[in-house]
Amino acid sequence: MKTRSTLAALLFFPALGLAQDLDRSLLHICDDGDEWPPYTYYLRYNHQATAEITGYSVDVITAILNKHHIPFQINLLPFAQLDLPVVG
Protein backbone atom coordinates (compact mmCIF):
# COMPACT_ATOMS: atom_id res chain seq x y z
CA MET A 1 0.00 0.00 0.00
CA LYS A 2 2.85 2.37 0.83
CA THR A 3 4.38 1.70 -2.57
CA ARG A 4 1.16 2.70 -4.32
CA SER A 5 0.85 5.97 -2.39
CA THR A 6 4.50 6.78 -3.05
CA LEU A 7 4.05 6.04 -6.75
CA ALA A 8 0.92 8.18 -6.87
CA ALA A 9 2.78 11.06 -5.20
CA LEU A 10 5.68 10.74 -7.65
CA LEU A 11 3.26 10.95 -10.57
CA PHE A 12 1.00 13.65 -9.13
CA PHE A 13 3.48 16.26 -7.89
CA PRO A 14 5.37 16.66 -11.19
CA ALA A 15 2.00 17.13 -12.88
CA LEU A 16 1.36 20.09 -10.57
CA GLY A 17 4.60 21.66 -11.71
CA LEU A 18 3.74 21.08 -15.37
CA ALA A 19 0.39 22.80 -14.89
CA GLN A 20 2.29 26.01 -14.18
CA ASP A 21 4.11 25.81 -17.54
CA LEU A 22 1.19 24.85 -19.77
CA ASP A 23 0.88 26.33 -23.22
CA ARG A 24 -2.17 28.59 -23.09
CA SER A 25 -2.85 28.59 -26.85
CA LEU A 26 -6.21 27.42 -28.18
CA LEU A 27 -6.73 23.68 -27.68
CA HIS A 28 -8.79 21.99 -30.41
CA ILE A 29 -10.87 19.02 -29.25
CA CYS A 30 -12.90 16.81 -31.56
CA ASP A 31 -15.52 14.19 -30.90
CA ASP A 32 -17.87 12.06 -32.95
CA GLY A 33 -20.52 14.02 -34.85
CA ASP A 34 -23.17 11.39 -34.15
CA GLU A 35 -23.43 12.85 -30.62
CA TRP A 36 -23.52 10.81 -27.41
CA PRO A 37 -26.22 12.26 -25.12
CA PRO A 38 -25.94 12.94 -22.24
CA TYR A 39 -22.15 13.18 -22.66
CA THR A 40 -21.70 15.22 -25.83
CA TYR A 41 -24.47 16.61 -28.01
CA TYR A 42 -25.74 19.75 -29.72
CA LEU A 43 -28.04 21.96 -27.66
CA ARG A 44 -31.48 22.02 -29.25
CA TYR A 45 -33.97 24.85 -29.53
CA ASN A 46 -37.48 24.02 -30.82
CA HIS A 47 -36.17 20.54 -31.72
CA GLN A 48 -33.49 22.05 -33.98
CA ALA A 49 -29.81 21.53 -33.20
CA THR A 50 -27.88 24.73 -32.53
CA ALA A 51 -24.14 25.26 -32.97
CA GLU A 52 -23.62 25.01 -29.18
CA ILE A 53 -22.16 21.74 -27.93
CA THR A 54 -23.14 20.67 -24.43
CA GLY A 55 -23.22 17.62 -22.17
CA TYR A 56 -21.41 16.04 -19.25
CA SER A 57 -18.10 15.62 -21.11
CA VAL A 58 -18.19 19.28 -22.13
CA ASP A 59 -18.84 20.29 -18.49
CA VAL A 60 -15.86 18.24 -17.27
CA ILE A 61 -13.53 19.57 -19.98
CA THR A 62 -14.69 23.14 -19.26
CA ALA A 63 -14.09 22.77 -15.51
CA ILE A 64 -10.58 21.38 -15.96
CA LEU A 65 -9.35 23.71 -18.69
CA ASN A 66 -10.93 26.87 -17.27
CA LYS A 67 -9.18 26.17 -13.96
CA HIS A 68 -5.87 26.42 -15.82
CA HIS A 69 -7.02 29.27 -18.11
CA ILE A 70 -6.61 27.18 -21.25
CA PRO A 71 -8.91 28.24 -24.10
CA PHE A 72 -10.48 25.42 -26.09
CA GLN A 73 -12.86 24.68 -28.93
CA ILE A 74 -14.85 21.48 -29.32
CA ASN A 75 -15.93 20.28 -32.76
CA LEU A 76 -18.12 17.28 -33.50
CA LEU A 77 -16.86 15.71 -36.72
CA PRO A 78 -18.25 12.88 -38.81
CA PHE A 79 -16.52 9.67 -37.78
CA ALA A 80 -14.98 9.25 -41.23
CA GLN A 81 -13.12 12.58 -40.85
CA LEU A 82 -11.44 11.68 -37.56
CA ASP A 83 -8.50 10.23 -39.54
CA LEU A 84 -7.97 7.25 -37.26
CA PRO A 85 -4.91 5.06 -37.88
CA VAL A 86 -5.50 1.75 -39.64
CA VAL A 87 -4.56 -1.19 -37.42
CA GLY A 88 -3.58 -4.58 -38.83
C-alpha atoms as a PDB file:
ATOM      1  CA  MET A   1       0.000   0.000   0.000  1.00  0.00           C
ATOM      2  CA  LYS A   2       2.851   2.370   0.827  1.00  0.00           C
ATOM      3  CA  THR A   3       4.381   1.704  -2.569  1.00  0.00           C
ATOM      4  CA  ARG A   4       1.157   2.702  -4.319  1.00  0.00           C
ATOM      5  CA  SER A   5       0.852   5.969  -2.393  1.00  0.00           C
ATOM      6  CA  THR A   6       4.500   6.778  -3.049  1.00  0.00           C
ATOM      7  CA  LEU A   7       4.051   6.035  -6.751  1.00  0.00           C
ATOM      8  CA  ALA A   8       0.923   8.178  -6.874  1.00  0.00           C
ATOM      9  CA  ALA A   9       2.783  11.061  -5.202  1.00  0.00           C
ATOM     10  CA  LEU A  10       5.682  10.739  -7.650  1.00  0.00           C
ATOM     11  CA  LEU A  11       3.262  10.954 -10.574  1.00  0.00           C
ATOM     12  CA  PHE A  12       0.999  13.654  -9.129  1.00  0.00           C
ATOM     13  CA  PHE A  13       3.481  16.261  -7.891  1.00  0.00           C
ATOM     14  CA  PRO A  14       5.374  16.660 -11.189  1.00  0.00           C
ATOM     15  CA  ALA A  15       2.003  17.133 -12.876  1.00  0.00           C
ATOM     16  CA  LEU A  16       1.359  20.086 -10.574  1.00  0.00           C
ATOM     17  CA  GLY A  17       4.604  21.661 -11.715  1.00  0.00           C
ATOM     18  CA  LEU A  18       3.739  21.079 -15.371  1.00  0.00           C
ATOM     19  CA  ALA A  19       0.387  22.801 -14.889  1.00  0.00           C
ATOM     20  CA  GLN A  20       2.288  26.009 -14.176  1.00  0.00           C
ATOM     21  CA  ASP A  21       4.112  25.810 -17.538  1.00  0.00           C
ATOM     22  CA  LEU A  22       1.192  24.848 -19.772  1.00  0.00           C
ATOM     23  CA  ASP A  23       0.883  26.331 -23.216  1.00  0.00           C
ATOM     24  CA  ARG A  24      -2.167  28.594 -23.085  1.00  0.00           C
ATOM     25  CA  SER A  25      -2.853  28.593 -26.848  1.00  0.00           C
ATOM     26  CA  LEU A  26      -6.214  27.415 -28.181  1.00  0.00           C
ATOM     27  CA  LEU A  27      -6.728  23.676 -27.682  1.00  0.00           C
ATOM     28  CA  HIS A  28      -8.790  21.992 -30.409  1.00  0.00           C
ATOM     29  CA  ILE A  29     -10.866  19.022 -29.251  1.00  0.00           C
ATOM     30  CA  CYS A  30     -12.896  16.813 -31.562  1.00  0.00           C
ATOM     31  CA  ASP A  31     -15.517  14.186 -30.897  1.00  0.00           C
ATOM     32  CA  ASP A  32     -17.874  12.056 -32.955  1.00  0.00           C
ATOM     33  CA  GLY A  33     -20.521  14.022 -34.849  1.00  0.00           C
ATOM     34  CA  ASP A  34     -23.173  11.394 -34.151  1.00  0.00           C
ATOM     35  CA  GLU A  35     -23.427  12.850 -30.623  1.00  0.00           C
ATOM     36  CA  TRP A  36     -23.524  10.815 -27.413  1.00  0.00           C
ATOM     37  CA  PRO A  37     -26.225  12.263 -25.116  1.00  0.00           C
ATOM     38  CA  PRO A  38     -25.937  12.937 -22.240  1.00  0.00           C
ATOM     39  CA  TYR A  39     -22.148  13.182 -22.660  1.00  0.00           C
ATOM     40  CA  THR A  40     -21.705  15.219 -25.831  1.00  0.00           C
ATOM     41  CA  TYR A  41     -24.474  16.613 -28.014  1.00  0.00           C
ATOM     42  CA  TYR A  42     -25.742  19.753 -29.719  1.00  0.00           C
ATOM     43  CA  LEU A  43     -28.039  21.961 -27.656  1.00  0.00           C
ATOM     44  CA  ARG A  44     -31.477  22.018 -29.250  1.00  0.00           C
ATOM     45  CA  TYR A  45     -33.974  24.854 -29.527  1.00  0.00           C
ATOM     46  CA  ASN A  46     -37.479  24.015 -30.819  1.00  0.00           C
ATOM     47  CA  HIS A  47     -36.172  20.536 -31.723  1.00  0.00           C
ATOM     48  CA  GLN A  48     -33.486  22.045 -33.980  1.00  0.00           C
ATOM     49  CA  ALA A  49     -29.812  21.529 -33.204  1.00  0.00           C
ATOM     50  CA  THR A  50     -27.885  24.732 -32.535  1.00  0.00           C
ATOM     51  CA  ALA A  51     -24.141  25.260 -32.965  1.00  0.00           C
ATOM     52  CA  GLU A  52     -23.616  25.013 -29.179  1.00  0.00           C
ATOM     53  CA  ILE A  53     -22.160  21.736 -27.928  1.00  0.00           C
ATOM     54  CA  THR A  54     -23.136  20.670 -24.429  1.00  0.00           C
ATOM     55  CA  GLY A  55     -23.221  17.624 -22.173  1.00  0.00           C
ATOM     56  CA  TYR A  56     -21.406  16.038 -19.246  1.00  0.00           C
ATOM     57  CA  SER A  57     -18.098  15.623 -21.111  1.00  0.00           C
ATOM     58  CA  VAL A  58     -18.190  19.280 -22.126  1.00  0.00           C
ATOM     59  CA  ASP A  59     -18.840  20.285 -18.492  1.00  0.00           C
ATOM     60  CA  VAL A  60     -15.859  18.243 -17.272  1.00  0.00           C
ATOM     61  CA  ILE A  61     -13.525  19.575 -19.976  1.00  0.00           C
ATOM     62  CA  THR A  62     -14.687  23.136 -19.255  1.00  0.00           C
ATOM     63  CA  ALA A  63     -14.093  22.766 -15.505  1.00  0.00           C
ATOM     64  CA  ILE A  64     -10.578  21.377 -15.963  1.00  0.00           C
ATOM     65  CA  LEU A  65      -9.347  23.715 -18.692  1.00  0.00           C
ATOM     66  CA  ASN A  66     -10.927  26.873 -17.270  1.00  0.00           C
ATOM     67  CA  LYS A  67      -9.182  26.167 -13.955  1.00  0.00           C
ATOM     68  CA  HIS A  68      -5.872  26.421 -15.822  1.00  0.00           C
ATOM     69  CA  HIS A  69      -7.018  29.274 -18.108  1.00  0.00           C
ATOM     70  CA  ILE A  70      -6.608  27.182 -21.249  1.00  0.00           C
ATOM     71  CA  PRO A  71      -8.913  28.238 -24.101  1.00  0.00           C
ATOM     72  CA  PHE A  72     -10.480  25.418 -26.092  1.00  0.00           C
ATOM     73  CA  GLN A  73     -12.855  24.684 -28.930  1.00  0.00           C
ATOM     74  CA  ILE A  74     -14.851  21.475 -29.324  1.00  0.00           C
ATOM     75  CA  ASN A  75     -15.931  20.281 -32.759  1.00  0.00           C
ATOM     76  CA  LEU A  76     -18.121  17.277 -33.505  1.00  0.00           C
ATOM     77  CA  LEU A  77     -16.858  15.709 -36.721  1.00  0.00           C
ATOM     78  CA  PRO A  78     -18.253  12.877 -38.808  1.00  0.00           C
ATOM     79  CA  PHE A  79     -16.522   9.666 -37.776  1.00  0.00           C
ATOM     80  CA  ALA A  80     -14.978   9.252 -41.233  1.00  0.00           C
ATOM     81  CA  GLN A  81     -13.119  12.578 -40.850  1.00  0.00           C
ATOM     82  CA  LEU A  82     -11.440  11.679 -37.561  1.00  0.00           C
ATOM     83  CA  ASP A  83      -8.502  10.231 -39.543  1.00  0.00           C
ATOM     84  CA  LEU A  84      -7.972   7.246 -37.257  1.00  0.00           C
ATOM     85  CA  PRO A  85      -4.914   5.060 -37.875  1.00  0.00           C
ATOM     86  CA  VAL A  86      -5.498   1.750 -39.636  1.00  0.00           C
ATOM     87  CA  VAL A  87      -4.563  -1.192 -37.424  1.00  0.00           C
ATOM     88  CA  GLY A  88      -3.584  -4.580 -38.828  1.00  0.00           C
END
